[in-house]
Structure formats: C-alpha cells, structure tokens
Amino acid sequence: MESIVEATAGAVGSLVSTTILYPLDTCKTKYQAENRAHHHQRYRNISDVLWEAISNRQVLSLYQGLGTKNFQSFVSQFIYFYGYSFLKRLYLKKSGSKSIGTRANLIIGVAAGACTVVAIQPLDTASSKMQTSDFGKSKGLWESLSERTWSELFDGLGISLLLTTNPSIQYTAFDQLKQRLLKDKLKKGGGDVTSPEALSAFSAFMLGAVSKCIATCITYPAIR
C-alpha cells in the first residue's frame, strides 16, 4: 500500500511539472529534431521555435500532444516509483539492512527504469512525433500509434534503456542528499527530532533540483 501511495504522489508531481514546462519541452524537442535533420535548418536556437509559434499565431500549438505526454508521464512515473519502492523494500527485507547503499540504489533504479521504458516506449515515440509536427498539424494519439509498425513504435528502445541511468542517478542522488541533510538536522537537534523522515517543501524542492541537475549533466550526451 505504501508503494502505491508513493507511486501516485510521484506520478501526480510529474503531471504538474510536465504541464508547466511543456511549451519549453516542445521547443527543445522541435529544435533537436531539426538539428538532426539533413535538410536546411529552420532554427538557429530554441527561441526561434517560440518566435515561429508566436508569429504564426500558433502559441497554443506549443501544447500539441500535451494529453499524450501527461498520460505517458503519469504512467511512467507511477511504474517507476512503484517498482523502485517495491524493489527497495524487498532488498531491505532480504538483506536485513536498515539502509540501502549507493551501488544497490543504482541497480534498483536501473531495474525499475528498464521496466518503465519498455512499458511506455510506444507512448514516447507517439509523443515525440506529435511535438515535432508542424504547428497546428499534430495528429491524435491513436492515429499516431496505428500508422506505425511495432518495430517503429519501439524505435530508440536501446538508447532509452541506456537513459534509465538518468532517473536512477537522480533518485540515488536525492536519497543520499536527503539522508545527509536529515543526519545533520538530527545532530543539530541533539537527537530529538519529531519526524526524522520529513523534509520541508523547500528542502525537498532544492534537493530534487540539485539531483536532477546532477543526473542531466551526466547523461546529457546521450540525450542529445
């Protein structure tokens, strides 16, 4: 039950962040797709994508594919958080340890990430296609899925599996930073902390941002 609660909380949080940052994600995705193309490049930088949408009065098209992306994000984060939480508890139960080390944390994170990637790869392919479509000409999810073969839907699975190290690095870094912060808090409080597992909203936000930055810096070449 606790795993489901953590999975739902993580999925909802991902849903909110995906919606807020989606226009920037669309600009980045279109710019990167254009950079990889062999024909004449339309964009010199990411801001050109934004200005094209504004000049063509297609600002709302920056949200094309948002429903699919949110669905993908929710399912992805739910599976990942549930798998990560379940495997972590299973490891602690089998090993008899009270805490989990960095190496075990990474392995569990990669295992949870691999399961997640295989499950949502078709959604990721469809979402990317919808984002890179010309403004105002994006197709729906079912149409994007049905017009492709299974091999096309799972295209890029190899690199996606490689990128499973990103969330594992992120959550490992978050866990390690959280434990260090709570230990410092415990020491300063003279060992009398009412809720040692609790972090303030600001502390959780900052640790999340730092851990995501660490993971992105390490895996950025593969993302590109």
C-alpha atoms as a PDB file:
ATOM      1  CA  MET A   1       0.000   0.000   0.000  1.00  0.00           C
ATOM      2  CA  GLU A   2       2.836   2.374   0.851  1.00  0.00           C
ATOM      3  CA  SER A   3       4.422   1.699  -2.543  1.00  0.00           C
ATOM      4  CA  ILE A   4       1.165   2.661  -4.288  1.00  0.00           C
ATOM      5  CA  VAL A   5       0.911   5.897  -2.271  1.00  0.00           C
ATOM      6  CA  GLU A   6       4.493   6.849  -3.182  1.00  0.00           C
ATOM      7  CA  ALA A   7       3.896   5.907  -6.822  1.00  0.00           C
ATOM      8  CA  THR A   8       0.726   8.028  -7.019  1.00  0.00           C
ATOM      9  CA  ALA A   9       2.392  11.006  -5.346  1.00  0.00           C
ATOM     10  CA  GLY A  10       5.340  10.815  -7.732  1.00  0.00           C
ATOM     11  CA  ALA A  11       3.062  10.479 -10.759  1.00  0.00           C
ATOM     12  CA  VAL A  12       0.918  13.486  -9.764  1.00  0.00           C
ATOM     13  CA  GLY A  13       4.016  15.592  -9.154  1.00  0.00           C
ATOM     14  CA  SER A  14       5.349  14.634 -12.572  1.00  0.00           C
ATOM     15  CA  LEU A  15       2.000  15.528 -14.141  1.00  0.00           C
ATOM     16  CA  VAL A  16       2.132  19.058 -12.730  1.00  0.00           C
ATOM     17  CA  SER A  17       5.750  19.697 -13.733  1.00  0.00           C
ATOM     18  CA  THR A  18       5.187  18.274 -17.240  1.00  0.00           C
ATOM     19  CA  THR A  19       2.211  20.583 -17.841  1.00  0.00           C
ATOM     20  CA  ILE A  20       4.031  23.700 -16.628  1.00  0.00           C
ATOM     21  CA  LEU A  21       7.208  23.056 -18.631  1.00  0.00           C
ATOM     22  CA  TYR A  22       5.577  21.554 -21.734  1.00  0.00           C
ATOM     23  CA  PRO A  23       5.961  24.571 -24.070  1.00  0.00           C
ATOM     24  CA  LEU A  24       9.711  24.640 -23.350  1.00  0.00           C
ATOM     25  CA  ASP A  25       9.894  20.882 -23.902  1.00  0.00           C
ATOM     26  CA  THR A  26       8.136  21.261 -27.257  1.00  0.00           C
ATOM     27  CA  CYS A  27      10.585  23.976 -28.326  1.00  0.00           C
ATOM     28  CA  LYS A  28      13.552  21.838 -27.269  1.00  0.00           C
ATOM     29  CA  THR A  29      12.221  18.709 -28.994  1.00  0.00           C
ATOM     30  CA  LYS A  30      11.488  20.510 -32.285  1.00  0.00           C
ATOM     31  CA  TYR A  31      14.885  22.221 -32.208  1.00  0.00           C
ATOM     32  CA  GLN A  32      16.767  18.973 -31.568  1.00  0.00           C
ATOM     33  CA  ALA A  33      14.796  17.127 -34.263  1.00  0.00           C
ATOM     34  CA  GLU A  34      15.612  19.902 -36.745  1.00  0.00           C
ATOM     35  CA  ASN A  35      19.286  19.762 -35.775  1.00  0.00           C
ATOM     36  CA  ARG A  36      19.427  16.053 -36.568  1.00  0.00           C
ATOM     37  CA  ALA A  37      17.805  16.521 -39.984  1.00  0.00           C
ATOM     38  CA  HIS A  38      19.993  16.708 -43.085  1.00  0.00           C
ATOM     39  CA  HIS A  39      17.975  19.400 -44.856  1.00  0.00           C
ATOM     40  CA  HIS A  40      18.275  23.144 -44.321  1.00  0.00           C
ATOM     41  CA  GLN A  41      17.843  24.055 -40.679  1.00  0.00           C
ATOM     42  CA  ARG A  42      14.934  26.342 -39.847  1.00  0.00           C
ATOM     43  CA  TYR A  43      16.034  27.130 -36.300  1.00  0.00           C
ATOM     44  CA  ARG A  44      19.310  28.613 -35.085  1.00  0.00           C
ATOM     45  CA  ASN A  45      18.352  28.218 -31.432  1.00  0.00           C
ATOM     46  CA  ILE A  46      15.433  27.149 -29.252  1.00  0.00           C
ATOM     47  CA  SER A  47      13.977  30.662 -29.081  1.00  0.00           C
ATOM     48  CA  ASP A  48      13.399  30.561 -32.872  1.00  0.00           C
ATOM     49  CA  VAL A  49      10.817  27.820 -32.332  1.00  0.00           C
ATOM     50  CA  LEU A  50       8.968  30.001 -29.838  1.00  0.00           C
ATOM     51  CA  TRP A  51       9.020  33.035 -32.136  1.00  0.00           C
ATOM     52  CA  GLU A  52       7.725  30.945 -35.040  1.00  0.00           C
ATOM     53  CA  ALA A  53       4.739  29.872 -32.944  1.00  0.00           C
ATOM     54  CA  ILE A  54       4.082  33.477 -31.889  1.00  0.00           C
ATOM     55  CA  SER A  55       4.456  34.959 -35.374  1.00  0.00           C
ATOM     56  CA  ASN A  56       2.107  32.332 -36.871  1.00  0.00           C
ATOM     57  CA  ARG A  57      -0.396  32.834 -34.040  1.00  0.00           C
ATOM     58  CA  GLN A  58       0.023  29.207 -33.069  1.00  0.00           C
ATOM     59  CA  VAL A  59       1.090  29.667 -29.448  1.00  0.00           C
ATOM     60  CA  LEU A  60      -1.408  27.062 -28.266  1.00  0.00           C
ATOM     61  CA  SER A  61       0.261  24.594 -30.635  1.00  0.00           C
ATOM     62  CA  LEU A  62       3.175  24.575 -28.216  1.00  0.00           C
ATOM     63  CA  TYR A  63       0.844  22.378 -26.182  1.00  0.00           C
ATOM     64  CA  GLN A  64       0.172  19.911 -29.015  1.00  0.00           C
ATOM     65  CA  GLY A  65       0.455  16.389 -27.673  1.00  0.00           C
ATOM     66  CA  LEU A  66       0.154  17.539 -24.045  1.00  0.00           C
ATOM     67  CA  GLY A  67      -2.532  14.949 -23.249  1.00  0.00           C
ATOM     68  CA  THR A  68      -0.345  12.132 -24.562  1.00  0.00           C
ATOM     69  CA  LYS A  69       2.722  13.493 -22.778  1.00  0.00           C
ATOM     70  CA  ASN A  70       0.835  13.787 -19.494  1.00  0.00           C
ATOM     71  CA  PHE A  71      -0.524  10.269 -19.857  1.00  0.00           C
ATOM     72  CA  GLN A  72       2.965   8.996 -20.652  1.00  0.00           C
ATOM     73  CA  SER A  73       4.457  10.938 -17.755  1.00  0.00           C
ATOM     74  CA  PHE A  74       1.838   9.712 -15.282  1.00  0.00           C
ATOM     75  CA  VAL A  75       2.168   6.065 -16.316  1.00  0.00           C
ATOM     76  CA  SER A  76       5.957   6.304 -16.456  1.00  0.00           C
ATOM     77  CA  GLN A  77       6.378   7.854 -13.037  1.00  0.00           C
ATOM     78  CA  PHE A  78       3.789   5.561 -11.446  1.00  0.00           C
ATOM     79  CA  ILE A  79       5.526   2.437 -12.768  1.00  0.00           C
ATOM     80  CA  TYR A  80       8.952   3.777 -11.846  1.00  0.00           C
ATOM     81  CA  PHE A  81       8.073   4.908  -8.322  1.00  0.00           C
ATOM     82  CA  TYR A  82       6.122   1.707  -7.612  1.00  0.00           C
ATOM     83  CA  GLY A  83       8.906  -0.503  -8.981  1.00  0.00           C
ATOM     84  CA  TYR A  84      11.633   1.457  -7.213  1.00  0.00           C
ATOM     85  CA  SER A  85       9.793   1.492  -3.879  1.00  0.00           C
ATOM     86  CA  PHE A  86       8.869  -2.203  -4.130  1.00  0.00           C
ATOM     87  CA  LEU A  87      12.389  -3.344  -5.069  1.00  0.00           C
ATOM     88  CA  LYS A  88      13.941  -1.150  -2.390  1.00  0.00           C
ATOM     89  CA  ARG A  89      11.742  -2.624   0.332  1.00  0.00           C
ATOM     90  CA  LEU A  90      12.362  -6.120  -0.999  1.00  0.00           C
ATOM     91  CA  TYR A  91      16.121  -5.543  -0.869  1.00  0.00           C
ATOM     92  CA  LEU A  92      15.996  -4.218   2.691  1.00  0.00           C
ATOM     93  CA  LYS A  93      13.846  -7.162   3.764  1.00  0.00           C
ATOM     94  CA  LYS A  94      16.085  -9.774   2.149  1.00  0.00           C
ATOM     95  CA  SER A  95      19.376  -8.189   3.210  1.00  0.00           C
ATOM     96  CA  GLY A  96      18.260  -7.307   6.734  1.00  0.00           C
ATOM     97  CA  SER A  97      19.849  -3.860   6.360  1.00  0.00           C
ATOM     98  CA  LYS A  98      18.334  -0.684   7.741  1.00  0.00           C
ATOM     99  CA  SER A  99      19.592   1.479   4.868  1.00  0.00           C
ATOM    100  CA  ILE A 100      20.468   0.982   1.242  1.00  0.00           C
ATOM    101  CA  GLY A 101      23.906   1.698  -0.216  1.00  0.00           C
ATOM    102  CA  THR A 102      24.681   3.744  -3.311  1.00  0.00           C
ATOM    103  CA  ARG A 103      25.507   0.741  -5.517  1.00  0.00           C
ATOM    104  CA  ALA A 104      22.331  -1.167  -4.605  1.00  0.00           C
ATOM    105  CA  ASN A 105      20.327   2.028  -5.058  1.00  0.00           C
ATOM    106  CA  LEU A 106      21.671   2.493  -8.584  1.00  0.00           C
ATOM    107  CA  ILE A 107      20.970  -1.123  -9.534  1.00  0.00           C
ATOM    108  CA  ILE A 108      17.407  -0.927  -8.209  1.00  0.00           C
ATOM    109  CA  GLY A 109      16.893   2.375 -10.002  1.00  0.00           C
ATOM    110  CA  VAL A 110      18.121   0.985 -13.317  1.00  0.00           C
ATOM    111  CA  ALA A 111      15.929  -2.125 -12.960  1.00  0.00           C
ATOM    112  CA  ALA A 112      12.842  -0.009 -12.239  1.00  0.00           C
ATOM    113  CA  GLY A 113      13.748   2.322 -15.092  1.00  0.00           C
ATOM    114  CA  ALA A 114      14.184  -0.525 -17.587  1.00  0.00           C
ATOM    115  CA  CYS A 115      10.717  -1.890 -16.787  1.00  0.00           C
ATOM    116  CA  THR A 116       9.279   1.606 -17.191  1.00  0.00           C
ATOM    117  CA  VAL A 117      10.957   2.245 -20.557  1.00  0.00           C
ATOM    118  CA  VAL A 118       9.727  -0.998 -22.121  1.00  0.00           C
ATOM    119  CA  ALA A 119       6.176  -0.252 -20.965  1.00  0.00           C
ATOM    120  CA  ILE A 120       5.940   3.351 -22.221  1.00  0.00           C
ATOM    121  CA  GLN A 121       8.234   3.382 -25.299  1.00  0.00           C
ATOM    122  CA  PRO A 122       5.313   3.454 -27.813  1.00  0.00           C
ATOM    123  CA  LEU A 123       3.814   6.426 -25.956  1.00  0.00           C
ATOM    124  CA  ASP A 124       7.176   8.181 -26.001  1.00  0.00           C
ATOM    125  CA  THR A 125       7.506   7.646 -29.762  1.00  0.00           C
ATOM    126  CA  ALA A 126       3.997   8.972 -30.409  1.00  0.00           C
ATOM    127  CA  SER A 127       4.525  11.943 -28.093  1.00  0.00           C
ATOM    128  CA  SER A 128       7.774  12.937 -29.811  1.00  0.00           C
ATOM    129  CA  LYS A 129       6.122  12.714 -33.239  1.00  0.00           C
ATOM    130  CA  MET A 130       3.253  14.923 -32.093  1.00  0.00           C
ATOM    131  CA  GLN A 131       5.654  17.516 -30.678  1.00  0.00           C
ATOM    132  CA  THR A 132       7.792  17.678 -33.816  1.00  0.00           C
ATOM    133  CA  SER A 133       4.803  18.006 -36.182  1.00  0.00           C
ATOM    134  CA  ASP A 134       4.224  21.356 -37.857  1.00  0.00           C
ATOM    135  CA  PHE A 135       2.295  23.736 -35.636  1.00  0.00           C
ATOM    136  CA  GLY A 136      -1.426  23.059 -35.835  1.00  0.00           C
ATOM    137  CA  LYS A 137      -0.987  19.782 -37.766  1.00  0.00           C
ATOM    138  CA  SER A 138      -0.400  17.322 -34.943  1.00  0.00           C
ATOM    139  CA  LYS A 139      -2.299  14.022 -35.116  1.00  0.00           C
ATOM    140  CA  GLY A 140      -4.042  12.317 -32.209  1.00  0.00           C
ATOM    141  CA  LEU A 141      -2.567   9.549 -30.077  1.00  0.00           C
ATOM    142  CA  TRP A 142      -4.466   6.635 -31.640  1.00  0.00           C
ATOM    143  CA  GLU A 143      -3.695   7.821 -35.181  1.00  0.00           C
ATOM    144  CA  SER A 144      -0.018   8.303 -34.307  1.00  0.00           C
ATOM    145  CA  LEU A 145       0.152   4.774 -32.891  1.00  0.00           C
ATOM    146  CA  SER A 146      -1.897   2.978 -35.552  1.00  0.00           C
ATOM    147  CA  GLU A 147       0.050   4.312 -38.545  1.00  0.00           C
ATOM    148  CA  ARG A 148       3.305   2.761 -37.269  1.00  0.00           C
ATOM    149  CA  THR A 149       4.555  -0.804 -37.050  1.00  0.00           C
ATOM    150  CA  TRP A 150       5.621  -2.363 -33.749  1.00  0.00           C
ATOM    151  CA  SER A 151       9.279  -2.006 -34.694  1.00  0.00           C
ATOM    152  CA  GLU A 152       8.770   1.693 -35.412  1.00  0.00           C
ATOM    153  CA  LEU A 153       6.943   2.212 -32.115  1.00  0.00           C
ATOM    154  CA  PHE A 154       9.873   0.682 -30.244  1.00  0.00           C
ATOM    155  CA  ASP A 155      12.460   2.538 -32.302  1.00  0.00           C
ATOM    156  CA  GLY A 156      15.062   4.048 -29.991  1.00  0.00           C
ATOM    157  CA  LEU A 157      14.423   1.499 -27.229  1.00  0.00           C
ATOM    158  CA  GLY A 158      18.149   0.826 -26.915  1.00  0.00           C
ATOM    159  CA  ILE A 159      19.092   4.438 -26.195  1.00  0.00           C
ATOM    160  CA  SER A 160      16.046   4.765 -23.920  1.00  0.00           C
ATOM    161  CA  LEU A 161      17.264   1.786 -21.896  1.00  0.00           C
ATOM    162  CA  LEU A 162      20.675   3.460 -21.680  1.00  0.00           C
ATOM    163  CA  LEU A 163      18.988   6.580 -20.349  1.00  0.00           C
ATOM    164  CA  THR A 164      17.398   4.615 -17.500  1.00  0.00           C
ATOM    165  CA  THR A 165      20.537   5.604 -15.624  1.00  0.00           C
ATOM    166  CA  ASN A 166      19.186   9.186 -15.551  1.00  0.00           C
ATOM    167  CA  PRO A 167      16.332   8.664 -13.055  1.00  0.00           C
ATOM    168  CA  SER A 168      18.375   6.134 -11.103  1.00  0.00           C
ATOM    169  CA  ILE A 169      21.185   8.677 -10.719  1.00  0.00           C
ATOM    170  CA  GLN A 170      18.620  11.362  -9.877  1.00  0.00           C
ATOM    171  CA  TYR A 171      16.835   9.428  -7.137  1.00  0.00           C
ATOM    172  CA  THR A 172      20.062   7.962  -5.788  1.00  0.00           C
ATOM    173  CA  ALA A 173      21.487  11.473  -5.506  1.00  0.00           C
ATOM    174  CA  PHE A 174      18.223  12.663  -3.929  1.00  0.00           C
ATOM    175  CA  ASP A 175      18.223   9.825  -1.373  1.00  0.00           C
ATOM    176  CA  GLN A 176      21.856  10.366  -0.453  1.00  0.00           C
ATOM    177  CA  LEU A 177      21.437  14.135  -0.125  1.00  0.00           C
ATOM    178  CA  LYS A 178      18.245  13.640   1.885  1.00  0.00           C
ATOM    179  CA  GLN A 179      19.927  11.229   4.308  1.00  0.00           C
ATOM    180  CA  ARG A 180      22.856  13.599   4.785  1.00  0.00           C
ATOM    181  CA  LEU A 181      20.541  16.548   5.377  1.00  0.00           C
ATOM    182  CA  LEU A 182      18.432  14.607   7.887  1.00  0.00           C
ATOM    183  CA  LYS A 183      21.541  13.403   9.740  1.00  0.00           C
ATOM    184  CA  ASP A 184      22.760  16.997  10.052  1.00  0.00           C
ATOM    185  CA  LYS A 185      19.296  18.013  11.232  1.00  0.00           C
ATOM    186  CA  LEU A 186      19.324  15.197  13.781  1.00  0.00           C
ATOM    187  CA  LYS A 187      22.737  16.221  15.122  1.00  0.00           C
ATOM    188  CA  LYS A 188      21.780  19.880  15.415  1.00  0.00           C
ATOM    189  CA  GLY A 189      18.574  18.910  17.212  1.00  0.00           C
ATOM    190  CA  GLY A 190      20.507  16.893  19.772  1.00  0.00           C
ATOM    191  CA  GLY A 191      18.979  13.657  18.545  1.00  0.00           C
ATOM    192  CA  ASP A 192      15.443  14.831  19.307  1.00  0.00           C
ATOM    193  CA  VAL A 193      13.625  15.179  16.000  1.00  0.00           C
ATOM    194  CA  THR A 194       9.889  14.573  15.968  1.00  0.00           C
ATOM    195  CA  SER A 195       9.732  13.388  12.358  1.00  0.00           C
ATOM    196  CA  PRO A 196      13.185  12.386  11.145  1.00  0.00           C
ATOM    197  CA  GLU A 197      11.908  11.287   7.740  1.00  0.00           C
ATOM    198  CA  ALA A 198      10.247  14.622   6.948  1.00  0.00           C
ATOM    199  CA  LEU A 199      11.704  17.331   4.759  1.00  0.00           C
ATOM    200  CA  SER A 200      10.299  20.812   4.337  1.00  0.00           C
ATOM    201  CA  ALA A 201       8.749  21.576   0.952  1.00  0.00           C
ATOM    202  CA  PHE A 202      11.586  23.995   0.153  1.00  0.00           C
ATOM    203  CA  SER A 203      14.280  21.467   1.107  1.00  0.00           C
ATOM    204  CA  ALA A 204      12.622  18.740  -0.970  1.00  0.00           C
ATOM    205  CA  PHE A 205      12.361  21.119  -3.933  1.00  0.00           C
ATOM    206  CA  MET A 206      16.016  22.134  -3.716  1.00  0.00           C
ATOM    207  CA  LEU A 207      17.245  18.554  -3.312  1.00  0.00           C
ATOM    208  CA  GLY A 208      15.106  17.499  -6.270  1.00  0.00           C
ATOM    209  CA  ALA A 209      16.500  20.290  -8.432  1.00  0.00           C
ATOM    210  CA  VAL A 210      20.105  19.532  -7.494  1.00  0.00           C
ATOM    211  CA  SER A 211      19.723  15.776  -8.017  1.00  0.00           C
ATOM    212  CA  LYS A 212      18.027  16.309 -11.396  1.00  0.00           C
ATOM    213  CA  CYS A 213      20.829  18.658 -12.430  1.00  0.00           C
ATOM    214  CA  ILE A 214      23.442  16.047 -11.491  1.00  0.00           C
ATOM    215  CA  ALA A 215      21.659  13.302 -13.463  1.00  0.00           C
ATOM    216  CA  THR A 216      21.135  15.530 -16.515  1.00  0.00           C
ATOM    217  CA  CYS A 217      24.773  16.663 -16.635  1.00  0.00           C
ATOM    218  CA  ILE A 218      25.957  13.054 -16.577  1.00  0.00           C
ATOM    219  CA  THR A 219      23.550  11.713 -19.224  1.00  0.00           C
ATOM    220  CA  TYR A 220      23.234  14.806 -21.449  1.00  0.00           C
ATOM    221  CA  PRO A 221      25.436  13.477 -24.304  1.00  0.00           C
ATOM    222  CA  ALA A 222      23.069  10.505 -24.711  1.00  0.00           C
ATOM    223  CA  ILE A 223      20.010  12.752 -24.509  1.00  0.00           C
ATOM    224  CA  ARG A 224      21.404  14.851 -27.323  1.00  0.00           C
END
